[in-house]
Amino acid sequence: MTRTNEDGARMVPKAAWSIVVVYEDSTTREQAVVFCDQLVRRFWERFEFEVGWWSFDMLGQAAAAKEVTERAARANLIAISTTPEGEFPSPIKVWIEAWLTMRGEREGMLAGLIVPPADPSSWEGQKHNYLRHAAHRGAMDYLTQVPQDIEQAVPDSPEFYSRRAEQVTSILDGILHQQAPPPHLLT
């Protein structure tokens, strides 16, 4: 069924986009809220967003960790908002490694939302490096801010071919709507 707007124009359905947000504390949660608000504002016309929120503490609970691991394995974007100091706690590293393994070669983005440190010269912290390397190992794009575009289909990927197969170009439309010649002309 084709949807139309008030003027009768055909509306293209929005693509679904899932985001998993994991944050360390109330300050880093607020930073993630700002990031997600900017992302939604920039792309709301083209995408329908589903955003899930979990704290570092929640990942210490087995049921929550299992759910967020499964969601992260399927998500288009995983945003991890944290302070710059020190290393990630062990449960967070275990969680990151688990969803990386479950994702396989699935395309996606990992956003390292690290609250700016008091000393700007210490920006390249252990957490930032860990996330950047995790994204690299998972063949994901690594972000530190809202991207200019979130279209992800890389040529030669299954997602690219699937999305391409769903498109009806003007040439394909002409072929589909072309009248077949009368049977006596086919012999």
N, C-alpha and C. Protein backbone atom coordinates (compact mmCIF):
# COMPACT_ATOMS: atom_id res chain seq x y z
N MET A 1 0.84 -1.16 0.00
CA MET A 1 0.00 0.00 0.00
C MET A 1 0.89 1.24 0.00
N THR A 2 0.61 2.19 -0.88
CA THR A 2 1.39 3.42 -0.99
C THR A 2 0.76 4.49 -0.11
N ARG A 3 1.56 5.10 0.71
CA ARG A 3 1.07 6.20 1.55
C ARG A 3 1.19 7.50 0.79
N THR A 4 0.26 8.42 1.05
CA THR A 4 0.31 9.74 0.44
C THR A 4 0.18 10.79 1.53
N ASN A 5 0.70 11.98 1.25
CA ASN A 5 0.57 13.08 2.20
C ASN A 5 -0.72 13.85 1.94
N GLU A 6 -0.93 14.96 2.63
CA GLU A 6 -2.16 15.74 2.50
C GLU A 6 -2.39 16.23 1.07
N ASP A 7 -1.33 16.48 0.31
CA ASP A 7 -1.45 16.97 -1.06
C ASP A 7 -1.62 15.84 -2.07
N GLY A 8 -1.68 14.60 -1.60
CA GLY A 8 -1.83 13.47 -2.50
C GLY A 8 -0.52 12.97 -3.09
N ALA A 9 0.59 13.57 -2.68
CA ALA A 9 1.90 13.14 -3.19
C ALA A 9 2.30 11.83 -2.50
N ARG A 10 2.96 10.96 -3.26
CA ARG A 10 3.42 9.68 -2.73
C ARG A 10 4.50 9.91 -1.67
N MET A 11 4.34 9.24 -0.54
CA MET A 11 5.32 9.35 0.54
C MET A 11 6.19 8.10 0.55
N VAL A 12 7.47 8.29 0.62
CA VAL A 12 8.41 7.18 0.72
C VAL A 12 8.52 6.80 2.19
N PRO A 13 8.35 5.52 2.52
CA PRO A 13 8.46 5.14 3.92
C PRO A 13 9.87 5.39 4.45
N LYS A 14 9.93 5.78 5.72
CA LYS A 14 11.22 6.03 6.34
C LYS A 14 11.91 4.71 6.65
N ALA A 15 13.21 4.71 6.47
CA ALA A 15 14.01 3.53 6.83
C ALA A 15 14.15 3.50 8.35
N ALA A 16 14.10 2.31 8.92
CA ALA A 16 14.26 2.15 10.36
C ALA A 16 15.75 2.20 10.71
N TRP A 17 16.04 2.85 11.81
CA TRP A 17 17.43 2.99 12.26
C TRP A 17 17.48 2.76 13.76
N SER A 18 18.27 1.80 14.21
CA SER A 18 18.33 1.50 15.64
C SER A 18 19.64 2.02 16.24
N ILE A 19 19.49 2.55 17.44
CA ILE A 19 20.63 3.12 18.17
C ILE A 19 20.65 2.54 19.57
N VAL A 20 21.81 2.08 19.99
CA VAL A 20 22.03 1.63 21.36
C VAL A 20 22.94 2.65 22.01
N VAL A 21 22.48 3.21 23.13
CA VAL A 21 23.27 4.19 23.87
C VAL A 21 23.63 3.62 25.23
N VAL A 22 24.91 3.63 25.55
CA VAL A 22 25.39 3.19 26.85
C VAL A 22 26.18 4.36 27.43
N TYR A 23 25.87 4.70 28.68
CA TYR A 23 26.49 5.87 29.31
C TYR A 23 27.01 5.53 30.70
N GLU A 24 28.00 6.31 31.12
CA GLU A 24 28.68 6.04 32.40
C GLU A 24 27.95 6.64 33.60
N ASP A 25 27.50 7.90 33.47
CA ASP A 25 26.87 8.59 34.59
C ASP A 25 25.91 9.65 34.06
N SER A 26 25.37 10.49 34.93
CA SER A 26 24.38 11.48 34.50
C SER A 26 24.97 12.52 33.54
N THR A 27 26.21 12.91 33.74
CA THR A 27 26.85 13.88 32.84
C THR A 27 27.04 13.29 31.45
N THR A 28 27.52 12.06 31.39
CA THR A 28 27.74 11.44 30.08
C THR A 28 26.41 11.07 29.42
N ARG A 29 25.37 10.81 30.22
CA ARG A 29 24.04 10.56 29.64
C ARG A 29 23.55 11.84 28.96
N GLU A 30 23.75 12.96 29.61
CA GLU A 30 23.32 14.23 29.01
C GLU A 30 24.06 14.49 27.70
N GLN A 31 25.33 14.17 27.64
CA GLN A 31 26.10 14.32 26.40
C GLN A 31 25.51 13.43 25.31
N ALA A 32 25.13 12.21 25.66
CA ALA A 32 24.52 11.30 24.69
C ALA A 32 23.16 11.80 24.22
N VAL A 33 22.39 12.42 25.12
CA VAL A 33 21.09 13.00 24.75
C VAL A 33 21.29 14.08 23.70
N VAL A 34 22.27 14.94 23.90
CA VAL A 34 22.56 16.01 22.94
C VAL A 34 22.94 15.40 21.59
N PHE A 35 23.81 14.39 21.60
CA PHE A 35 24.23 13.72 20.36
C PHE A 35 23.02 13.14 19.63
N CYS A 36 22.17 12.40 20.35
CA CYS A 36 21.01 11.76 19.72
C CYS A 36 20.01 12.80 19.21
N ASP A 37 19.82 13.88 19.96
CA ASP A 37 18.93 14.95 19.50
C ASP A 37 19.43 15.54 18.18
N GLN A 38 20.72 15.78 18.09
CA GLN A 38 21.30 16.32 16.86
C GLN A 38 21.15 15.33 15.70
N LEU A 39 21.37 14.06 15.98
CA LEU A 39 21.25 13.02 14.96
C LEU A 39 19.81 12.94 14.43
N VAL A 40 18.85 12.91 15.34
CA VAL A 40 17.45 12.82 14.94
C VAL A 40 17.03 14.07 14.17
N ARG A 41 17.42 15.24 14.66
CA ARG A 41 17.08 16.49 13.95
C ARG A 41 17.63 16.50 12.53
N ARG A 42 18.85 16.02 12.36
CA ARG A 42 19.48 16.05 11.04
C ARG A 42 18.84 15.05 10.07
N PHE A 43 18.37 13.90 10.55
CA PHE A 43 17.94 12.83 9.66
C PHE A 43 16.49 12.39 9.84
N TRP A 44 15.68 13.08 10.60
CA TRP A 44 14.33 12.62 10.89
C TRP A 44 13.45 12.51 9.65
N GLU A 45 13.73 13.26 8.61
CA GLU A 45 12.91 13.19 7.40
C GLU A 45 13.11 11.87 6.66
N ARG A 46 14.27 11.25 6.81
CA ARG A 46 14.59 10.03 6.06
C ARG A 46 14.55 8.76 6.90
N PHE A 47 14.66 8.90 8.24
CA PHE A 47 14.78 7.72 9.08
C PHE A 47 13.84 7.78 10.28
N GLU A 48 13.40 6.61 10.66
CA GLU A 48 12.62 6.42 11.88
C GLU A 48 13.60 5.84 12.90
N PHE A 49 13.76 6.50 14.05
CA PHE A 49 14.77 6.09 15.02
C PHE A 49 14.17 5.32 16.18
N GLU A 50 14.87 4.27 16.58
CA GLU A 50 14.56 3.53 17.79
C GLU A 50 15.81 3.59 18.65
N VAL A 51 15.70 4.27 19.80
CA VAL A 51 16.86 4.49 20.66
C VAL A 51 16.65 3.79 21.99
N GLY A 52 17.62 2.98 22.40
CA GLY A 52 17.59 2.31 23.70
C GLY A 52 18.72 2.86 24.56
N TRP A 53 18.42 3.03 25.86
CA TRP A 53 19.37 3.65 26.79
C TRP A 53 19.71 2.69 27.92
N TRP A 54 21.03 2.51 28.19
CA TRP A 54 21.49 1.67 29.29
C TRP A 54 22.69 2.34 29.96
N SER A 55 22.74 2.24 31.27
CA SER A 55 23.88 2.78 32.02
C SER A 55 24.94 1.68 32.16
N PHE A 56 26.16 2.10 32.47
CA PHE A 56 27.23 1.13 32.73
C PHE A 56 26.78 0.17 33.84
N ASP A 57 26.13 0.72 34.88
CA ASP A 57 25.69 -0.12 36.01
C ASP A 57 24.71 -1.20 35.54
N MET A 58 23.84 -0.86 34.60
CA MET A 58 22.86 -1.84 34.10
C MET A 58 23.56 -3.00 33.40
N LEU A 59 24.71 -2.74 32.78
CA LEU A 59 25.43 -3.80 32.09
C LEU A 59 26.05 -4.80 33.05
N GLY A 60 26.08 -4.46 34.33
CA GLY A 60 26.55 -5.39 35.35
C GLY A 60 25.48 -6.41 35.72
N GLN A 61 24.25 -6.22 35.27
CA GLN A 61 23.13 -7.13 35.54
C GLN A 61 23.00 -8.08 34.34
N ALA A 62 22.99 -9.36 34.60
CA ALA A 62 23.03 -10.36 33.53
C ALA A 62 21.91 -10.19 32.49
N ALA A 63 20.68 -10.01 32.93
CA ALA A 63 19.55 -9.92 31.98
C ALA A 63 19.69 -8.68 31.09
N ALA A 64 20.02 -7.54 31.69
CA ALA A 64 20.18 -6.31 30.92
C ALA A 64 21.37 -6.42 29.97
N ALA A 65 22.46 -7.00 30.44
CA ALA A 65 23.65 -7.15 29.59
C ALA A 65 23.35 -8.02 28.38
N LYS A 66 22.59 -9.09 28.59
CA LYS A 66 22.23 -9.98 27.47
C LYS A 66 21.37 -9.23 26.46
N GLU A 67 20.37 -8.50 26.93
CA GLU A 67 19.49 -7.75 26.02
C GLU A 67 20.25 -6.70 25.22
N VAL A 68 21.08 -5.92 25.90
CA VAL A 68 21.79 -4.84 25.20
C VAL A 68 22.88 -5.40 24.29
N THR A 69 23.43 -6.56 24.60
CA THR A 69 24.40 -7.20 23.71
C THR A 69 23.71 -7.60 22.41
N GLU A 70 22.54 -8.21 22.52
CA GLU A 70 21.80 -8.63 21.33
C GLU A 70 21.37 -7.42 20.50
N ARG A 71 20.93 -6.36 21.16
CA ARG A 71 20.52 -5.16 20.43
C ARG A 71 21.71 -4.50 19.74
N ALA A 72 22.83 -4.44 20.43
CA ALA A 72 24.03 -3.83 19.84
C ALA A 72 24.51 -4.62 18.62
N ALA A 73 24.34 -5.94 18.67
CA ALA A 73 24.75 -6.77 17.54
C ALA A 73 23.94 -6.45 16.29
N ARG A 74 22.71 -5.96 16.46
CA ARG A 74 21.85 -5.63 15.32
C ARG A 74 21.76 -4.14 15.02
N ALA A 75 22.25 -3.30 15.91
CA ALA A 75 22.06 -1.84 15.81
C ALA A 75 22.84 -1.23 14.65
N ASN A 76 22.28 -0.14 14.14
CA ASN A 76 22.99 0.64 13.12
C ASN A 76 24.08 1.48 13.77
N LEU A 77 23.82 1.93 14.99
CA LEU A 77 24.77 2.80 15.71
C LEU A 77 24.81 2.41 17.17
N ILE A 78 26.02 2.28 17.70
CA ILE A 78 26.22 2.09 19.12
C ILE A 78 26.96 3.33 19.60
N ALA A 79 26.37 4.03 20.57
CA ALA A 79 26.99 5.23 21.13
C ALA A 79 27.40 4.92 22.57
N ILE A 80 28.66 5.13 22.87
CA ILE A 80 29.17 4.90 24.22
C ILE A 80 29.66 6.24 24.75
N SER A 81 28.96 6.71 25.78
CA SER A 81 29.27 8.02 26.35
C SER A 81 29.94 7.82 27.70
N THR A 82 31.14 8.38 27.83
CA THR A 82 31.96 8.11 29.00
C THR A 82 32.85 9.30 29.35
N THR A 83 33.43 9.24 30.51
CA THR A 83 34.44 10.22 30.91
C THR A 83 35.77 9.78 30.29
N PRO A 84 36.72 10.69 30.14
CA PRO A 84 37.98 10.33 29.48
C PRO A 84 38.98 9.58 30.36
N GLU A 85 38.81 9.66 31.66
CA GLU A 85 39.83 9.13 32.57
C GLU A 85 39.82 7.61 32.64
N GLY A 86 41.02 7.06 32.71
CA GLY A 86 41.20 5.64 32.98
C GLY A 86 40.77 4.73 31.86
N GLU A 87 40.57 3.46 32.23
CA GLU A 87 40.15 2.44 31.29
C GLU A 87 38.67 2.12 31.54
N PHE A 88 38.07 1.41 30.57
CA PHE A 88 36.71 0.94 30.78
C PHE A 88 36.71 -0.14 31.85
N PRO A 89 35.67 -0.18 32.68
CA PRO A 89 35.56 -1.29 33.64
C PRO A 89 35.45 -2.62 32.88
N SER A 90 35.86 -3.69 33.50
CA SER A 90 35.86 -5.01 32.86
C SER A 90 34.50 -5.39 32.27
N PRO A 91 33.37 -5.19 32.98
CA PRO A 91 32.08 -5.58 32.38
C PRO A 91 31.78 -4.84 31.07
N ILE A 92 32.26 -3.63 30.93
CA ILE A 92 32.01 -2.86 29.71
C ILE A 92 32.86 -3.43 28.57
N LYS A 93 34.10 -3.76 28.86
CA LYS A 93 34.96 -4.37 27.83
C LYS A 93 34.39 -5.72 27.39
N VAL A 94 33.92 -6.52 28.34
CA VAL A 94 33.34 -7.82 28.02
C VAL A 94 32.12 -7.62 27.13
N TRP A 95 31.29 -6.63 27.46
CA TRP A 95 30.10 -6.33 26.67
C TRP A 95 30.48 -5.91 25.24
N ILE A 96 31.45 -5.01 25.11
CA ILE A 96 31.89 -4.55 23.79
C ILE A 96 32.40 -5.73 22.96
N GLU A 97 33.23 -6.55 23.55
CA GLU A 97 33.78 -7.71 22.81
C GLU A 97 32.68 -8.69 22.42
N ALA A 98 31.67 -8.84 23.26
CA ALA A 98 30.57 -9.78 22.97
C ALA A 98 29.76 -9.32 21.76
N TRP A 99 29.36 -8.05 21.73
CA TRP A 99 28.56 -7.63 20.58
C TRP A 99 29.40 -7.52 19.31
N LEU A 100 30.68 -7.21 19.45
CA LEU A 100 31.55 -7.21 18.27
C LEU A 100 31.59 -8.60 17.63
N THR A 101 31.71 -9.62 18.45
CA THR A 101 31.73 -10.99 17.95
C THR A 101 30.40 -11.36 17.31
N MET A 102 29.29 -10.98 17.95
CA MET A 102 27.96 -11.31 17.43
C MET A 102 27.65 -10.59 16.11
N ARG A 103 28.18 -9.39 15.93
CA ARG A 103 27.90 -8.61 14.71
C ARG A 103 28.50 -9.23 13.47
N GLY A 104 29.61 -9.89 13.62
CA GLY A 104 30.29 -10.41 12.44
C GLY A 104 30.77 -9.25 11.59
N GLU A 105 30.44 -9.28 10.30
CA GLU A 105 30.88 -8.23 9.38
C GLU A 105 29.76 -7.25 9.05
N ARG A 106 28.76 -7.19 9.89
CA ARG A 106 27.62 -6.29 9.65
C ARG A 106 28.08 -4.84 9.73
N GLU A 107 27.64 -4.05 8.76
CA GLU A 107 27.99 -2.63 8.73
C GLU A 107 27.39 -1.91 9.94
N GLY A 108 28.00 -0.80 10.31
CA GLY A 108 27.47 -0.01 11.42
C GLY A 108 28.43 1.09 11.81
N MET A 109 28.03 1.79 12.85
CA MET A 109 28.83 2.90 13.37
C MET A 109 28.97 2.77 14.87
N LEU A 110 30.13 3.15 15.36
CA LEU A 110 30.39 3.21 16.79
C LEU A 110 30.77 4.64 17.11
N ALA A 111 30.01 5.26 18.01
CA ALA A 111 30.29 6.64 18.41
C ALA A 111 30.92 6.64 19.80
N GLY A 112 32.11 7.20 19.89
CA GLY A 112 32.78 7.39 21.17
C GLY A 112 32.49 8.80 21.65
N LEU A 113 31.53 8.92 22.55
CA LEU A 113 31.14 10.23 23.08
C LEU A 113 31.85 10.41 24.40
N ILE A 114 33.00 11.01 24.33
CA ILE A 114 33.85 11.15 25.51
C ILE A 114 33.81 12.60 25.96
N VAL A 115 33.36 12.80 27.20
CA VAL A 115 33.28 14.15 27.75
C VAL A 115 34.66 14.78 27.68
N PRO A 116 34.77 16.00 27.13
CA PRO A 116 36.09 16.62 27.02
C PRO A 116 36.78 16.71 28.38
N PRO A 117 38.05 16.33 28.43
CA PRO A 117 38.78 16.38 29.69
C PRO A 117 39.11 17.82 30.09
N ALA A 118 39.41 18.00 31.36
CA ALA A 118 39.79 19.32 31.85
C ALA A 118 41.09 19.77 31.19
N ASP A 119 41.98 18.82 30.93
CA ASP A 119 43.25 19.11 30.26
C ASP A 119 43.15 18.66 28.80
N PRO A 120 42.95 19.61 27.86
CA PRO A 120 42.78 19.23 26.45
C PRO A 120 43.94 18.45 25.86
N SER A 121 45.13 18.56 26.41
CA SER A 121 46.28 17.83 25.86
C SER A 121 46.18 16.34 26.13
N SER A 122 45.26 15.92 27.01
CA SER A 122 45.14 14.50 27.34
C SER A 122 43.98 13.84 26.61
N TRP A 123 43.56 14.40 25.48
CA TRP A 123 42.40 13.90 24.75
C TRP A 123 42.56 12.44 24.32
N GLU A 124 43.69 12.06 23.81
CA GLU A 124 43.88 10.69 23.33
C GLU A 124 44.01 9.74 24.51
N GLY A 125 42.92 9.52 25.20
CA GLY A 125 42.93 8.64 26.36
C GLY A 125 42.75 7.18 25.99
N GLN A 126 42.86 6.33 27.00
CA GLN A 126 42.77 4.89 26.79
C GLN A 126 41.39 4.49 26.28
N LYS A 127 40.34 5.12 26.79
CA LYS A 127 38.98 4.77 26.36
C LYS A 127 38.76 5.11 24.89
N HIS A 128 39.21 6.28 24.50
CA HIS A 128 39.07 6.70 23.10
C HIS A 128 39.80 5.72 22.18
N ASN A 129 41.02 5.38 22.53
CA ASN A 129 41.80 4.44 21.72
C ASN A 129 41.16 3.06 21.66
N TYR A 130 40.64 2.61 22.80
CA TYR A 130 39.98 1.30 22.85
C TYR A 130 38.77 1.28 21.91
N LEU A 131 37.93 2.32 21.96
CA LEU A 131 36.74 2.37 21.10
C LEU A 131 37.12 2.47 19.62
N ARG A 132 38.11 3.28 19.32
CA ARG A 132 38.55 3.42 17.93
C ARG A 132 39.05 2.08 17.39
N HIS A 133 39.82 1.35 18.18
CA HIS A 133 40.31 0.04 17.76
C HIS A 133 39.18 -0.98 17.68
N ALA A 134 38.22 -0.91 18.58
CA ALA A 134 37.07 -1.82 18.53
C ALA A 134 36.29 -1.60 17.24
N ALA A 135 36.06 -0.35 16.88
CA ALA A 135 35.36 -0.04 15.63
C ALA A 135 36.14 -0.60 14.45
N HIS A 136 37.43 -0.43 14.46
CA HIS A 136 38.27 -0.94 13.37
C HIS A 136 38.17 -2.46 13.27
N ARG A 137 38.26 -3.14 14.41
CA ARG A 137 38.17 -4.60 14.41
C ARG A 137 36.82 -5.09 13.93
N GLY A 138 35.76 -4.30 14.21
CA GLY A 138 34.42 -4.67 13.79
C GLY A 138 34.04 -4.15 12.42
N ALA A 139 34.99 -3.55 11.69
CA ALA A 139 34.74 -2.97 10.37
C ALA A 139 33.61 -1.96 10.42
N MET A 140 33.60 -1.16 11.48
CA MET A 140 32.58 -0.14 11.68
C MET A 140 33.21 1.24 11.51
N ASP A 141 32.37 2.22 11.18
CA ASP A 141 32.83 3.60 11.16
C ASP A 141 32.93 4.07 12.61
N TYR A 142 33.98 4.84 12.92
CA TYR A 142 34.13 5.39 14.27
C TYR A 142 33.82 6.87 14.23
N LEU A 143 32.90 7.30 15.07
CA LEU A 143 32.47 8.69 15.13
C LEU A 143 32.78 9.31 16.47
N THR A 144 33.01 10.60 16.46
CA THR A 144 33.11 11.36 17.70
C THR A 144 32.11 12.51 17.69
N GLN A 145 31.39 12.64 16.58
CA GLN A 145 30.35 13.66 16.46
C GLN A 145 29.31 13.17 15.45
N VAL A 146 28.20 13.91 15.32
CA VAL A 146 27.14 13.52 14.40
C VAL A 146 27.69 13.56 12.98
N PRO A 147 27.51 12.47 12.22
CA PRO A 147 28.04 12.43 10.85
C PRO A 147 27.22 13.28 9.88
N GLN A 148 27.82 13.58 8.74
CA GLN A 148 27.11 14.33 7.70
C GLN A 148 26.02 13.48 7.06
N ASP A 149 26.23 12.18 6.98
CA ASP A 149 25.24 11.29 6.40
C ASP A 149 25.32 9.95 7.12
N ILE A 150 24.20 9.24 7.14
CA ILE A 150 24.20 7.94 7.80
C ILE A 150 23.80 6.82 6.85
N GLU A 151 23.75 7.11 5.56
CA GLU A 151 23.54 6.04 4.58
C GLU A 151 24.75 5.14 4.67
N GLN A 152 24.52 3.87 4.88
CA GLN A 152 25.63 2.98 5.14
C GLN A 152 25.94 1.96 4.06
N ALA A 153 25.08 1.78 3.13
CA ALA A 153 25.27 0.67 2.20
C ALA A 153 26.56 0.82 1.41
N VAL A 154 27.50 -0.03 1.70
CA VAL A 154 28.78 -0.03 1.01
C VAL A 154 28.63 -0.92 -0.23
N PRO A 155 29.07 -0.46 -1.40
CA PRO A 155 28.98 -1.31 -2.59
C PRO A 155 29.60 -2.68 -2.32
N ASP A 156 28.97 -3.69 -2.85
CA ASP A 156 29.37 -5.09 -2.72
C ASP A 156 29.03 -5.69 -1.35
N SER A 157 28.28 -4.97 -0.51
CA SER A 157 27.85 -5.56 0.75
C SER A 157 26.44 -6.10 0.57
N PRO A 158 26.03 -7.06 1.39
CA PRO A 158 24.66 -7.59 1.28
C PRO A 158 23.60 -6.50 1.46
N GLU A 159 23.86 -5.55 2.38
CA GLU A 159 22.90 -4.47 2.60
C GLU A 159 22.74 -3.62 1.34
N PHE A 160 23.84 -3.37 0.64
CA PHE A 160 23.80 -2.57 -0.57
C PHE A 160 22.93 -3.25 -1.63
N TYR A 161 23.17 -4.54 -1.87
CA TYR A 161 22.42 -5.24 -2.89
C TYR A 161 20.95 -5.39 -2.50
N SER A 162 20.69 -5.60 -1.24
CA SER A 162 19.31 -5.71 -0.79
C SER A 162 18.57 -4.39 -1.01
N ARG A 163 19.17 -3.29 -0.60
CA ARG A 163 18.55 -1.98 -0.78
C ARG A 163 18.40 -1.65 -2.26
N ARG A 164 19.41 -2.00 -3.04
CA ARG A 164 19.36 -1.73 -4.47
C ARG A 164 18.26 -2.55 -5.15
N ALA A 165 18.06 -3.78 -4.71
CA ALA A 165 17.03 -4.64 -5.29
C ALA A 165 15.63 -4.09 -5.03
N GLU A 166 15.47 -3.33 -3.97
CA GLU A 166 14.16 -2.77 -3.63
C GLU A 166 13.85 -1.49 -4.40
N GLN A 167 14.84 -0.89 -5.03
CA GLN A 167 14.63 0.35 -5.76
C GLN A 167 14.05 0.08 -7.14
N VAL A 168 13.07 0.91 -7.52
CA VAL A 168 12.49 0.82 -8.85
C VAL A 168 12.94 2.06 -9.61
N THR A 169 13.92 1.88 -10.49
CA THR A 169 14.42 3.00 -11.29
C THR A 169 13.48 3.26 -12.45
N SER A 170 13.68 4.37 -13.15
CA SER A 170 12.82 4.69 -14.29
C SER A 170 12.95 3.62 -15.39
N ILE A 171 14.13 3.06 -15.58
CA ILE A 171 14.32 2.02 -16.60
C ILE A 171 13.54 0.76 -16.19
N LEU A 172 13.69 0.35 -14.94
CA LEU A 172 12.97 -0.82 -14.45
C LEU A 172 11.47 -0.58 -14.49
N ASP A 173 11.04 0.61 -14.12
CA ASP A 173 9.62 0.94 -14.15
C ASP A 173 9.08 0.82 -15.58
N GLY A 174 9.84 1.29 -16.57
CA GLY A 174 9.44 1.18 -17.97
C GLY A 174 9.32 -0.26 -18.42
N ILE A 175 10.25 -1.10 -17.98
CA ILE A 175 10.21 -2.52 -18.33
C ILE A 175 8.99 -3.18 -17.69
N LEU A 176 8.75 -2.87 -16.42
CA LEU A 176 7.63 -3.48 -15.71
C LEU A 176 6.28 -3.08 -16.27
N HIS A 177 6.19 -1.87 -16.81
CA HIS A 177 4.91 -1.38 -17.32
C HIS A 177 4.79 -1.46 -18.84
N GLN A 178 5.75 -2.07 -19.48
CA GLN A 178 5.72 -2.21 -20.94
C GLN A 178 4.71 -3.29 -21.31
N GLN A 179 3.91 -2.98 -22.28
CA GLN A 179 2.92 -3.94 -22.74
C GLN A 179 3.63 -5.00 -23.58
N ALA A 180 3.25 -6.23 -23.36
CA ALA A 180 3.83 -7.34 -24.13
C ALA A 180 3.31 -7.28 -25.56
N PRO A 181 4.15 -7.62 -26.53
CA PRO A 181 3.68 -7.62 -27.93
C PRO A 181 2.63 -8.73 -28.11
N PRO A 182 1.75 -8.55 -29.08
CA PRO A 182 0.74 -9.60 -29.34
C PRO A 182 1.43 -10.93 -29.63
N PRO A 183 0.81 -12.05 -29.24
CA PRO A 183 1.43 -13.37 -29.41
C PRO A 183 1.81 -13.68 -30.85
N HIS A 184 1.06 -13.19 -31.86
CA HIS A 184 1.38 -13.53 -33.25
C HIS A 184 2.68 -12.86 -33.72
N LEU A 185 3.17 -11.83 -33.01
CA LEU A 185 4.44 -11.20 -33.36
C LEU A 185 5.64 -11.92 -32.77
N LEU A 186 5.40 -12.79 -31.80
CA LEU A 186 6.48 -13.49 -31.14
C LEU A 186 6.97 -14.70 -31.94
N THR A 187 6.22 -15.16 -32.95
CA THR A 187 6.62 -16.35 -33.71
C THR A 187 7.43 -16.04 -34.93
